[in-house]
Amino acid sequence: LEHVSGRVPVIVTTSHFSTQVVVDRAREAEALGAAMLMMMPPY
């Protein structure tokens, strides 16, 4: 995210079985500048 620096949107995948881990990853990705998240269902 620092290197792309807004040149194009960056989608960060946050998939995990644990909902809390997904939430933590989602917050971190947004705080660092992610434009979108991608997630698989928990498995």
ModelCIF file with pLDDT and N, C-alpha, C, O atoms, coordinates in Angstrom:
data_MODEL
#
_entry.id   MODEL 
#
_entity.id                         1 
_entity.type                       polymer 
_entity.pdbx_number_of_molecules   1 
#
_entity_poly.entity_id                      1 
_entity_poly.type                           'polypeptide(L)' 
_entity_poly.nstd_linkage                   no 
_entity_poly.nstd_monomer                   no 
_entity_poly.pdbx_seq_one_letter_code       LEHVSGRVPVIVTTSHFSTQVVVDRAREAEALGAAMLMMMPPY 
_entity_poly.pdbx_seq_one_letter_code_can   LEHVSGRVPVIVTTSHFSTQVVVDRAREAEALGAAMLMMMPPY 
_entity_poly.pdbx_strand_id                 A 
#
loop_
_entity_poly_seq.entity_id 
_entity_poly_seq.num 
_entity_poly_seq.mon_id 
_entity_poly_seq.hetero 
1 1  LEU n 
1 2  GLU n 
1 3  HIS n 
1 4  VAL n 
1 5  SER n 
1 6  GLY n 
1 7  ARG n 
1 8  VAL n 
1 9  PRO n 
1 10 VAL n 
1 11 ILE n 
1 12 VAL n 
1 13 THR n 
1 14 THR n 
1 15 SER n 
1 16 HIS n 
1 17 PHE n 
1 18 SER n 
1 19 THR n 
1 20 GLN n 
1 21 VAL n 
1 22 VAL n 
1 23 VAL n 
1 24 ASP n 
1 25 ARG n 
1 26 ALA n 
1 27 ARG n 
1 28 GLU n 
1 29 ALA n 
1 30 GLU n 
1 31 ALA n 
1 32 LEU n 
1 33 GLY n 
1 34 ALA n 
1 35 ALA n 
1 36 MET n 
1 37 LEU n 
1 38 MET n 
1 39 MET n 
1 40 MET n 
1 41 PRO n 
1 42 PRO n 
1 43 TYR n 
#
_struct_asym.id          A 
_struct_asym.entity_id   1 
#
loop_
_ma_qa_metric.id 
_ma_qa_metric.mode 
_ma_qa_metric.name 
_ma_qa_metric.software_group_id 
_ma_qa_metric.type 
1 global pLDDT . pLDDT 
2 local  pLDDT . pLDDT 
#
_ma_qa_metric_global.metric_id      1 
_ma_qa_metric_global.metric_value   97.07 
_ma_qa_metric_global.model_id       1 
_ma_qa_metric_global.ordinal_id     1 
#
loop_
_ma_qa_metric_local.label_asym_id 
_ma_qa_metric_local.label_comp_id 
_ma_qa_metric_local.label_seq_id 
_ma_qa_metric_local.metric_id 
_ma_qa_metric_local.metric_value 
_ma_qa_metric_local.model_id 
_ma_qa_metric_local.ordinal_id 
A LEU 1  2 98.00 1 1  
A GLU 2  2 98.00 1 2  
A HIS 3  2 98.00 1 3  
A VAL 4  2 98.00 1 4  
A SER 5  2 97.00 1 5  
A GLY 6  2 96.00 1 6  
A ARG 7  2 98.00 1 7  
A VAL 8  2 98.00 1 8  
A PRO 9  2 98.00 1 9  
A VAL 10 2 98.00 1 10 
A ILE 11 2 98.00 1 11 
A VAL 12 2 98.00 1 12 
A THR 13 2 98.00 1 13 
A THR 14 2 97.00 1 14 
A SER 15 2 96.00 1 15 
A HIS 16 2 95.00 1 16 
A PHE 17 2 95.00 1 17 
A SER 18 2 96.00 1 18 
A THR 19 2 97.00 1 19 
A GLN 20 2 98.00 1 20 
A VAL 21 2 97.00 1 21 
A VAL 22 2 98.00 1 22 
A VAL 23 2 98.00 1 23 
A ASP 24 2 98.00 1 24 
A ARG 25 2 97.00 1 25 
A ALA 26 2 98.00 1 26 
A ARG 27 2 98.00 1 27 
A GLU 28 2 97.00 1 28 
A ALA 29 2 98.00 1 29 
A GLU 30 2 98.00 1 30 
A ALA 31 2 98.00 1 31 
A LEU 32 2 97.00 1 32 
A GLY 33 2 97.00 1 33 
A ALA 34 2 98.00 1 34 
A ALA 35 2 98.00 1 35 
A MET 36 2 98.00 1 36 
A LEU 37 2 98.00 1 37 
A MET 38 2 98.00 1 38 
A MET 39 2 97.00 1 39 
A MET 40 2 96.00 1 40 
A PRO 41 2 96.00 1 41 
A PRO 42 2 94.00 1 42 
A TYR 43 2 87.00 1 43 
#
loop_
_atom_site.group_PDB 
_atom_site.id 
_atom_site.type_symbol 
_atom_site.label_atom_id 
_atom_site.label_alt_id 
_atom_site.label_comp_id 
_atom_site.label_asym_id 
_atom_site.label_entity_id 
_atom_site.label_seq_id 
_atom_site.pdbx_PDB_ins_code 
_atom_site.Cartn_x 
_atom_site.Cartn_y 
_atom_site.Cartn_z 
_atom_site.occupancy 
_atom_site.B_iso_or_equiv 
_atom_site.pdbx_formal_charge 
_atom_site.auth_seq_id 
_atom_site.auth_comp_id 
_atom_site.auth_asym_id 
_atom_site.auth_atom_id 
_atom_site.pdbx_PDB_model_num 
ATOM 1   N N  . LEU A 1 1  ? 0.821   -1.208  0.000  1.00 98.00 ? 1  LEU A N  1 
ATOM 2   C CA . LEU A 1 1  ? 0.000   0.000   0.000  1.00 98.00 ? 1  LEU A CA 1 
ATOM 3   C C  . LEU A 1 1  ? 0.857   1.261   0.000  1.00 98.00 ? 1  LEU A C  1 
ATOM 4   O O  . LEU A 1 1  ? 0.510   2.247   -0.650 1.00 98.00 ? 1  LEU A O  1 
ATOM 5   N N  . GLU A 1 2  ? 1.968   1.236   0.722  1.00 98.00 ? 2  GLU A N  1 
ATOM 6   C CA . GLU A 1 2  ? 2.856   2.390   0.706  1.00 98.00 ? 2  GLU A CA 1 
ATOM 7   C C  . GLU A 1 2  ? 3.482   2.585   -0.670 1.00 98.00 ? 2  GLU A C  1 
ATOM 8   O O  . GLU A 1 2  ? 3.621   3.716   -1.134 1.00 98.00 ? 2  GLU A O  1 
ATOM 9   N N  . HIS A 1 3  ? 3.862   1.483   -1.327 1.00 98.00 ? 3  HIS A N  1 
ATOM 10  C CA . HIS A 1 3  ? 4.543   1.607   -2.606 1.00 98.00 ? 3  HIS A CA 1 
ATOM 11  C C  . HIS A 1 3  ? 3.587   2.012   -3.731 1.00 98.00 ? 3  HIS A C  1 
ATOM 12  O O  . HIS A 1 3  ? 3.932   2.849   -4.565 1.00 98.00 ? 3  HIS A O  1 
ATOM 13  N N  . VAL A 1 4  ? 2.410   1.434   -3.757 1.00 98.00 ? 4  VAL A N  1 
ATOM 14  C CA . VAL A 1 4  ? 1.437   1.814   -4.796 1.00 98.00 ? 4  VAL A CA 1 
ATOM 15  C C  . VAL A 1 4  ? 1.008   3.256   -4.592 1.00 98.00 ? 4  VAL A C  1 
ATOM 16  O O  . VAL A 1 4  ? 0.860   4.005   -5.557 1.00 98.00 ? 4  VAL A O  1 
ATOM 17  N N  . SER A 1 5  ? 0.812   3.640   -3.363 1.00 97.00 ? 5  SER A N  1 
ATOM 18  C CA . SER A 1 5  ? 0.570   5.049   -3.002 1.00 97.00 ? 5  SER A CA 1 
ATOM 19  C C  . SER A 1 5  ? -0.534  5.688   -3.845 1.00 97.00 ? 5  SER A C  1 
ATOM 20  O O  . SER A 1 5  ? -0.390  6.812   -4.326 1.00 97.00 ? 5  SER A O  1 
ATOM 21  N N  . GLY A 1 6  ? -1.635  4.956   -4.016 1.00 96.00 ? 6  GLY A N  1 
ATOM 22  C CA . GLY A 1 6  ? -2.788  5.534   -4.681 1.00 96.00 ? 6  GLY A CA 1 
ATOM 23  C C  . GLY A 1 6  ? -2.746  5.541   -6.195 1.00 96.00 ? 6  GLY A C  1 
ATOM 24  O O  . GLY A 1 6  ? -3.673  6.052   -6.824 1.00 96.00 ? 6  GLY A O  1 
ATOM 25  N N  . ARG A 1 7  ? -1.699  4.989   -6.806 1.00 98.00 ? 7  ARG A N  1 
ATOM 26  C CA . ARG A 1 7  ? -1.632  4.998   -8.275 1.00 98.00 ? 7  ARG A CA 1 
ATOM 27  C C  . ARG A 1 7  ? -2.763  4.182   -8.890 1.00 98.00 ? 7  ARG A C  1 
ATOM 28  O O  . ARG A 1 7  ? -3.310  4.555   -9.928 1.00 98.00 ? 7  ARG A O  1 
ATOM 29  N N  . VAL A 1 8  ? -3.109  3.081   -8.258 1.00 98.00 ? 8  VAL A N  1 
ATOM 30  C CA . VAL A 1 8  ? -4.309  2.316   -8.609 1.00 98.00 ? 8  VAL A CA 1 
ATOM 31  C C  . VAL A 1 8  ? -4.921  1.841   -7.293 1.00 98.00 ? 8  VAL A C  1 
ATOM 32  O O  . VAL A 1 8  ? -4.215  1.760   -6.288 1.00 98.00 ? 8  VAL A O  1 
ATOM 33  N N  . PRO A 1 9  ? -6.210  1.527   -7.275 1.00 98.00 ? 9  PRO A N  1 
ATOM 34  C CA . PRO A 1 9  ? -6.792  0.963   -6.058 1.00 98.00 ? 9  PRO A CA 1 
ATOM 35  C C  . PRO A 1 9  ? -6.157  -0.385  -5.729 1.00 98.00 ? 9  PRO A C  1 
ATOM 36  O O  . PRO A 1 9  ? -5.827  -1.162  -6.625 1.00 98.00 ? 9  PRO A O  1 
ATOM 37  N N  . VAL A 1 10 ? -5.992  -0.650  -4.442 1.00 98.00 ? 10 VAL A N  1 
ATOM 38  C CA . VAL A 1 10 ? -5.457  -1.929  -3.985 1.00 98.00 ? 10 VAL A CA 1 
ATOM 39  C C  . VAL A 1 10 ? -6.531  -2.654  -3.172 1.00 98.00 ? 10 VAL A C  1 
ATOM 40  O O  . VAL A 1 10 ? -7.115  -2.096  -2.243 1.00 98.00 ? 10 VAL A O  1 
ATOM 41  N N  . ILE A 1 11 ? -6.770  -3.895  -3.544 1.00 98.00 ? 11 ILE A N  1 
ATOM 42  C CA . ILE A 1 11 ? -7.720  -4.759  -2.851 1.00 98.00 ? 11 ILE A CA 1 
ATOM 43  C C  . ILE A 1 11 ? -6.922  -5.698  -1.961 1.00 98.00 ? 11 ILE A C  1 
ATOM 44  O O  . ILE A 1 11 ? -6.011  -6.373  -2.439 1.00 98.00 ? 11 ILE A O  1 
ATOM 45  N N  . VAL A 1 12 ? -7.244  -5.753  -0.693 1.00 98.00 ? 12 VAL A N  1 
ATOM 46  C CA . VAL A 1 12 ? -6.525  -6.604  0.251  1.00 98.00 ? 12 VAL A CA 1 
ATOM 47  C C  . VAL A 1 12 ? -7.418  -7.781  0.638  1.00 98.00 ? 12 VAL A C  1 
ATOM 48  O O  . VAL A 1 12 ? -8.543  -7.588  1.098  1.00 98.00 ? 12 VAL A O  1 
ATOM 49  N N  . THR A 1 13 ? -6.920  -8.979  0.451  1.00 98.00 ? 13 THR A N  1 
ATOM 50  C CA . THR A 1 13 ? -7.662  -10.179 0.833  1.00 98.00 ? 13 THR A CA 1 
ATOM 51  C C  . THR A 1 13 ? -7.496  -10.414 2.330  1.00 98.00 ? 13 THR A C  1 
ATOM 52  O O  . THR A 1 13 ? -6.380  -10.405 2.850  1.00 98.00 ? 13 THR A O  1 
ATOM 53  N N  . THR A 1 14 ? -8.605  -10.622 3.008  1.00 97.00 ? 14 THR A N  1 
ATOM 54  C CA . THR A 1 14 ? -8.586  -10.756 4.473  1.00 97.00 ? 14 THR A CA 1 
ATOM 55  C C  . THR A 1 14 ? -9.207  -12.066 4.943  1.00 97.00 ? 14 THR A C  1 
ATOM 56  O O  . THR A 1 14 ? -9.594  -12.185 6.106  1.00 97.00 ? 14 THR A O  1 
ATOM 57  N N  . SER A 1 15 ? -9.305  -13.036 4.064  1.00 96.00 ? 15 SER A N  1 
ATOM 58  C CA . SER A 1 15 ? -10.001 -14.287 4.386  1.00 96.00 ? 15 SER A CA 1 
ATOM 59  C C  . SER A 1 15 ? -9.378  -15.004 5.583  1.00 96.00 ? 15 SER A C  1 
ATOM 60  O O  . SER A 1 15 ? -8.156  -15.056 5.721  1.00 96.00 ? 15 SER A O  1 
ATOM 61  N N  . HIS A 1 16 ? -10.229 -15.551 6.439  1.00 95.00 ? 16 HIS A N  1 
ATOM 62  C CA . HIS A 1 16 ? -9.798  -16.368 7.579  1.00 95.00 ? 16 HIS A CA 1 
ATOM 63  C C  . HIS A 1 16 ? -11.039 -17.041 8.145  1.00 95.00 ? 16 HIS A C  1 
ATOM 64  O O  . HIS A 1 16 ? -12.151 -16.549 7.957  1.00 95.00 ? 16 HIS A O  1 
ATOM 65  N N  . PHE A 1 17 ? -10.861 -18.150 8.830  1.00 95.00 ? 17 PHE A N  1 
ATOM 66  C CA . PHE A 1 17 ? -12.000 -18.814 9.450  1.00 95.00 ? 17 PHE A CA 1 
ATOM 67  C C  . PHE A 1 17 ? -12.549 -18.002 10.614 1.00 95.00 ? 17 PHE A C  1 
ATOM 68  O O  . PHE A 1 17 ? -13.760 -17.951 10.829 1.00 95.00 ? 17 PHE A O  1 
ATOM 69  N N  . SER A 1 18 ? -11.660 -17.373 11.357 1.00 96.00 ? 18 SER A N  1 
ATOM 70  C CA . SER A 1 18 ? -12.065 -16.606 12.531 1.00 96.00 ? 18 SER A CA 1 
ATOM 71  C C  . SER A 1 18 ? -12.642 -15.251 12.127 1.00 96.00 ? 18 SER A C  1 
ATOM 72  O O  . SER A 1 18 ? -11.994 -14.480 11.420 1.00 96.00 ? 18 SER A O  1 
ATOM 73  N N  . THR A 1 19 ? -13.843 -14.970 12.572 1.00 97.00 ? 19 THR A N  1 
ATOM 74  C CA . THR A 1 19 ? -14.451 -13.672 12.288 1.00 97.00 ? 19 THR A CA 1 
ATOM 75  C C  . THR A 1 19 ? -13.649 -12.545 12.911 1.00 97.00 ? 19 THR A C  1 
ATOM 76  O O  . THR A 1 19 ? -13.495 -11.489 12.297 1.00 97.00 ? 19 THR A O  1 
ATOM 77  N N  . GLN A 1 20 ? -13.135 -12.747 14.120 1.00 98.00 ? 20 GLN A N  1 
ATOM 78  C CA . GLN A 1 20 ? -12.366 -11.690 14.769 1.00 98.00 ? 20 GLN A CA 1 
ATOM 79  C C  . GLN A 1 20 ? -11.075 -11.400 14.017 1.00 98.00 ? 20 GLN A C  1 
ATOM 80  O O  . GLN A 1 20 ? -10.679 -10.240 13.904 1.00 98.00 ? 20 GLN A O  1 
ATOM 81  N N  . VAL A 1 21 ? -10.412 -12.431 13.501 1.00 97.00 ? 21 VAL A N  1 
ATOM 82  C CA . VAL A 1 21 ? -9.198  -12.210 12.708 1.00 97.00 ? 21 VAL A CA 1 
ATOM 83  C C  . VAL A 1 21 ? -9.536  -11.421 11.448 1.00 97.00 ? 21 VAL A C  1 
ATOM 84  O O  . VAL A 1 21 ? -8.799  -10.513 11.067 1.00 97.00 ? 21 VAL A O  1 
ATOM 85  N N  . VAL A 1 22 ? -10.639 -11.762 10.807 1.00 98.00 ? 22 VAL A N  1 
ATOM 86  C CA . VAL A 1 22 ? -11.065 -11.031 9.606  1.00 98.00 ? 22 VAL A CA 1 
ATOM 87  C C  . VAL A 1 22 ? -11.332 -9.569  9.938  1.00 98.00 ? 22 VAL A C  1 
ATOM 88  O O  . VAL A 1 22 ? -10.929 -8.677  9.191  1.00 98.00 ? 22 VAL A O  1 
ATOM 89  N N  . VAL A 1 23 ? -12.008 -9.321  11.050 1.00 98.00 ? 23 VAL A N  1 
ATOM 90  C CA . VAL A 1 23 ? -12.289 -7.940  11.461 1.00 98.00 ? 23 VAL A CA 1 
ATOM 91  C C  . VAL A 1 23 ? -10.991 -7.177  11.703 1.00 98.00 ? 23 VAL A C  1 
ATOM 92  O O  . VAL A 1 23 ? -10.848 -6.037  11.261 1.00 98.00 ? 23 VAL A O  1 
ATOM 93  N N  . ASP A 1 24 ? -10.047 -7.802  12.401 1.00 98.00 ? 24 ASP A N  1 
ATOM 94  C CA . ASP A 1 24 ? -8.766  -7.143  12.681 1.00 98.00 ? 24 ASP A CA 1 
ATOM 95  C C  . ASP A 1 24 ? -8.008  -6.857  11.388 1.00 98.00 ? 24 ASP A C  1 
ATOM 96  O O  . ASP A 1 24 ? -7.451  -5.773  11.216 1.00 98.00 ? 24 ASP A O  1 
ATOM 97  N N  . ARG A 1 25 ? -7.989  -7.829  10.482 1.00 97.00 ? 25 ARG A N  1 
ATOM 98  C CA . ARG A 1 25 ? -7.310  -7.627  9.200  1.00 97.00 ? 25 ARG A CA 1 
ATOM 99  C C  . ARG A 1 25 ? -7.991  -6.532  8.386  1.00 97.00 ? 25 ARG A C  1 
ATOM 100 O O  . ARG A 1 25 ? -7.326  -5.726  7.735  1.00 97.00 ? 25 ARG A O  1 
ATOM 101 N N  . ALA A 1 26 ? -9.308  -6.510  8.427  1.00 98.00 ? 26 ALA A N  1 
ATOM 102 C CA . ALA A 1 26 ? -10.056 -5.503  7.670  1.00 98.00 ? 26 ALA A CA 1 
ATOM 103 C C  . ALA A 1 26 ? -9.729  -4.096  8.162  1.00 98.00 ? 26 ALA A C  1 
ATOM 104 O O  . ALA A 1 26 ? -9.478  -3.198  7.359  1.00 98.00 ? 26 ALA A O  1 
ATOM 105 N N  . ARG A 1 27 ? -9.731  -3.909  9.457  1.00 98.00 ? 27 ARG A N  1 
ATOM 106 C CA . ARG A 1 27 ? -9.428  -2.586  10.021 1.00 98.00 ? 27 ARG A CA 1 
ATOM 107 C C  . ARG A 1 27 ? -8.010  -2.152  9.671  1.00 98.00 ? 27 ARG A C  1 
ATOM 108 O O  . ARG A 1 27 ? -7.777  -0.996  9.318  1.00 98.00 ? 27 ARG A O  1 
ATOM 109 N N  . GLU A 1 28 ? -7.066  -3.083  9.771  1.00 97.00 ? 28 GLU A N  1 
ATOM 110 C CA . GLU A 1 28 ? -5.676  -2.758  9.454  1.00 97.00 ? 28 GLU A CA 1 
ATOM 111 C C  . GLU A 1 28 ? -5.531  -2.377  7.985  1.00 97.00 ? 28 GLU A C  1 
ATOM 112 O O  . GLU A 1 28 ? -4.859  -1.398  7.659  1.00 97.00 ? 28 GLU A O  1 
ATOM 113 N N  . ALA A 1 29 ? -6.162  -3.151  7.095  1.00 98.00 ? 29 ALA A N  1 
ATOM 114 C CA . ALA A 1 29 ? -6.049  -2.873  5.665  1.00 98.00 ? 29 ALA A CA 1 
ATOM 115 C C  . ALA A 1 29 ? -6.628  -1.506  5.324  1.00 98.00 ? 29 ALA A C  1 
ATOM 116 O O  . ALA A 1 29 ? -6.023  -0.748  4.566  1.00 98.00 ? 29 ALA A O  1 
ATOM 117 N N  . GLU A 1 30 ? -7.789  -1.188  5.875  1.00 98.00 ? 30 GLU A N  1 
ATOM 118 C CA . GLU A 1 30 ? -8.386  0.118   5.604  1.00 98.00 ? 30 GLU A CA 1 
ATOM 119 C C  . GLU A 1 30 ? -7.508  1.241   6.149  1.00 98.00 ? 30 GLU A C  1 
ATOM 120 O O  . GLU A 1 30 ? -7.328  2.265   5.490  1.00 98.00 ? 30 GLU A O  1 
ATOM 121 N N  . ALA A 1 31 ? -6.967  1.052   7.341  1.00 98.00 ? 31 ALA A N  1 
ATOM 122 C CA . ALA A 1 31 ? -6.132  2.097   7.947  1.00 98.00 ? 31 ALA A CA 1 
ATOM 123 C C  . ALA A 1 31 ? -4.887  2.370   7.112  1.00 98.00 ? 31 ALA A C  1 
ATOM 124 O O  . ALA A 1 31 ? -4.386  3.494   7.094  1.00 98.00 ? 31 ALA A O  1 
ATOM 125 N N  . LEU A 1 32 ? -4.386  1.348   6.420  1.00 97.00 ? 32 LEU A N  1 
ATOM 126 C CA . LEU A 1 32 ? -3.188  1.501   5.602  1.00 97.00 ? 32 LEU A CA 1 
ATOM 127 C C  . LEU A 1 32 ? -3.487  2.014   4.197  1.00 97.00 ? 32 LEU A C  1 
ATOM 128 O O  . LEU A 1 32 ? -2.564  2.330   3.446  1.00 97.00 ? 32 LEU A O  1 
ATOM 129 N N  . GLY A 1 33 ? -4.770  2.098   3.833  1.00 97.00 ? 33 GLY A N  1 
ATOM 130 C CA . GLY A 1 33 ? -5.124  2.677   2.549  1.00 97.00 ? 33 GLY A CA 1 
ATOM 131 C C  . GLY A 1 33 ? -5.756  1.742   1.542  1.00 97.00 ? 33 GLY A C  1 
ATOM 132 O O  . GLY A 1 33 ? -5.854  2.098   0.368  1.00 97.00 ? 33 GLY A O  1 
ATOM 133 N N  . ALA A 1 34 ? -6.188  0.562   1.950  1.00 98.00 ? 34 ALA A N  1 
ATOM 134 C CA . ALA A 1 34 ? -6.855  -0.348  1.015  1.00 98.00 ? 34 ALA A CA 1 
ATOM 135 C C  . ALA A 1 34 ? -8.123  0.289   0.467  1.00 98.00 ? 34 ALA A C  1 
ATOM 136 O O  . ALA A 1 34 ? -8.842  0.978   1.192  1.00 98.00 ? 34 ALA A O  1 
ATOM 137 N N  . ALA A 1 35 ? -8.395  0.060   -0.810 1.00 98.00 ? 35 ALA A N  1 
ATOM 138 C CA . ALA A 1 35 ? -9.604  0.578   -1.444 1.00 98.00 ? 35 ALA A CA 1 
ATOM 139 C C  . ALA A 1 35 ? -10.768 -0.395  -1.330 1.00 98.00 ? 35 ALA A C  1 
ATOM 140 O O  . ALA A 1 35 ? -11.928 0.003   -1.433 1.00 98.00 ? 35 ALA A O  1 
ATOM 141 N N  . MET A 1 36 ? -10.460 -1.667  -1.116 1.00 98.00 ? 36 MET A N  1 
ATOM 142 C CA . MET A 1 36 ? -11.484 -2.703  -1.064 1.00 98.00 ? 36 MET A CA 1 
ATOM 143 C C  . MET A 1 36 ? -10.894 -3.906  -0.338 1.00 98.00 ? 36 MET A C  1 
ATOM 144 O O  . MET A 1 36 ? -9.677  -4.081  -0.290 1.00 98.00 ? 36 MET A O  1 
ATOM 145 N N  . LEU A 1 37 ? -11.765 -4.726  0.223  1.00 98.00 ? 37 LEU A N  1 
ATOM 146 C CA . LEU A 1 37 ? -11.377 -6.003  0.796  1.00 98.00 ? 37 LEU A CA 1 
ATOM 147 C C  . LEU A 1 37 ? -11.950 -7.125  -0.060 1.00 98.00 ? 37 LEU A C  1 
ATOM 148 O O  . LEU A 1 37 ? -12.995 -6.965  -0.690 1.00 98.00 ? 37 LEU A O  1 
ATOM 149 N N  . MET A 1 38 ? -11.254 -8.267  -0.079 1.00 98.00 ? 38 MET A N  1 
ATOM 150 C CA . MET A 1 38 ? -11.839 -9.472  -0.668 1.00 98.00 ? 38 MET A CA 1 
ATOM 151 C C  . MET A 1 38 ? -11.828 -10.566 0.385  1.00 98.00 ? 38 MET A C  1 
ATOM 152 O O  . MET A 1 38 ? -10.845 -10.743 1.105  1.00 98.00 ? 38 MET A O  1 
ATOM 153 N N  . MET A 1 39 ? -12.936 -11.300 0.467  1.00 97.00 ? 39 MET A N  1 
ATOM 154 C CA . MET A 1 39 ? -13.082 -12.342 1.481  1.00 97.00 ? 39 MET A CA 1 
ATOM 155 C C  . MET A 1 39 ? -13.758 -13.567 0.903  1.00 97.00 ? 39 MET A C  1 
ATOM 156 O O  . MET A 1 39 ? -14.717 -13.471 0.137  1.00 97.00 ? 39 MET A O  1 
ATOM 157 N N  . MET A 1 40 ? -13.239 -14.717 1.285  1.00 96.00 ? 40 MET A N  1 
ATOM 158 C CA . MET A 1 40 ? -13.965 -15.959 1.082  1.00 96.00 ? 40 MET A CA 1 
ATOM 159 C C  . MET A 1 40 ? -14.825 -16.210 2.313  1.00 96.00 ? 40 MET A C  1 
ATOM 160 O O  . MET A 1 40 ? -14.561 -15.631 3.367  1.00 96.00 ? 40 MET A O  1 
ATOM 161 N N  . PRO A 1 41 ? -15.843 -17.052 2.209  1.00 96.00 ? 41 PRO A N  1 
ATOM 162 C CA . PRO A 1 41 ? -16.592 -17.421 3.412  1.00 96.00 ? 41 PRO A CA 1 
ATOM 163 C C  . PRO A 1 41 ? -15.681 -18.174 4.368  1.00 96.00 ? 41 PRO A C  1 
ATOM 164 O O  . PRO A 1 41 ? -14.683 -18.748 3.932  1.00 96.00 ? 41 PRO A O  1 
ATOM 165 N N  . PRO A 1 42 ? -15.995 -18.189 5.656  1.00 94.00 ? 42 PRO A N  1 
ATOM 166 C CA . PRO A 1 42 ? -15.140 -18.907 6.613  1.00 94.00 ? 42 PRO A CA 1 
ATOM 167 C C  . PRO A 1 42 ? -15.149 -20.404 6.332  1.00 94.00 ? 42 PRO A C  1 
ATOM 168 O O  . PRO A 1 42 ? -16.205 -21.004 6.128  1.00 94.00 ? 42 PRO A O  1 
ATOM 169 N N  . TYR A 1 43 ? -13.967 -20.994 6.324  1.00 87.00 ? 43 TYR A N  1 
ATOM 170 C CA . TYR A 1 43 ? -13.866 -22.442 6.129  1.00 87.00 ? 43 TYR A CA 1 
ATOM 171 C C  . TYR A 1 43 ? -12.555 -22.917 6.722  1.00 87.00 ? 43 TYR A C  1 
ATOM 172 O O  . TYR A 1 43 ? -12.252 -24.109 6.675  1.00 87.00 ? 43 TYR A O  1 
#
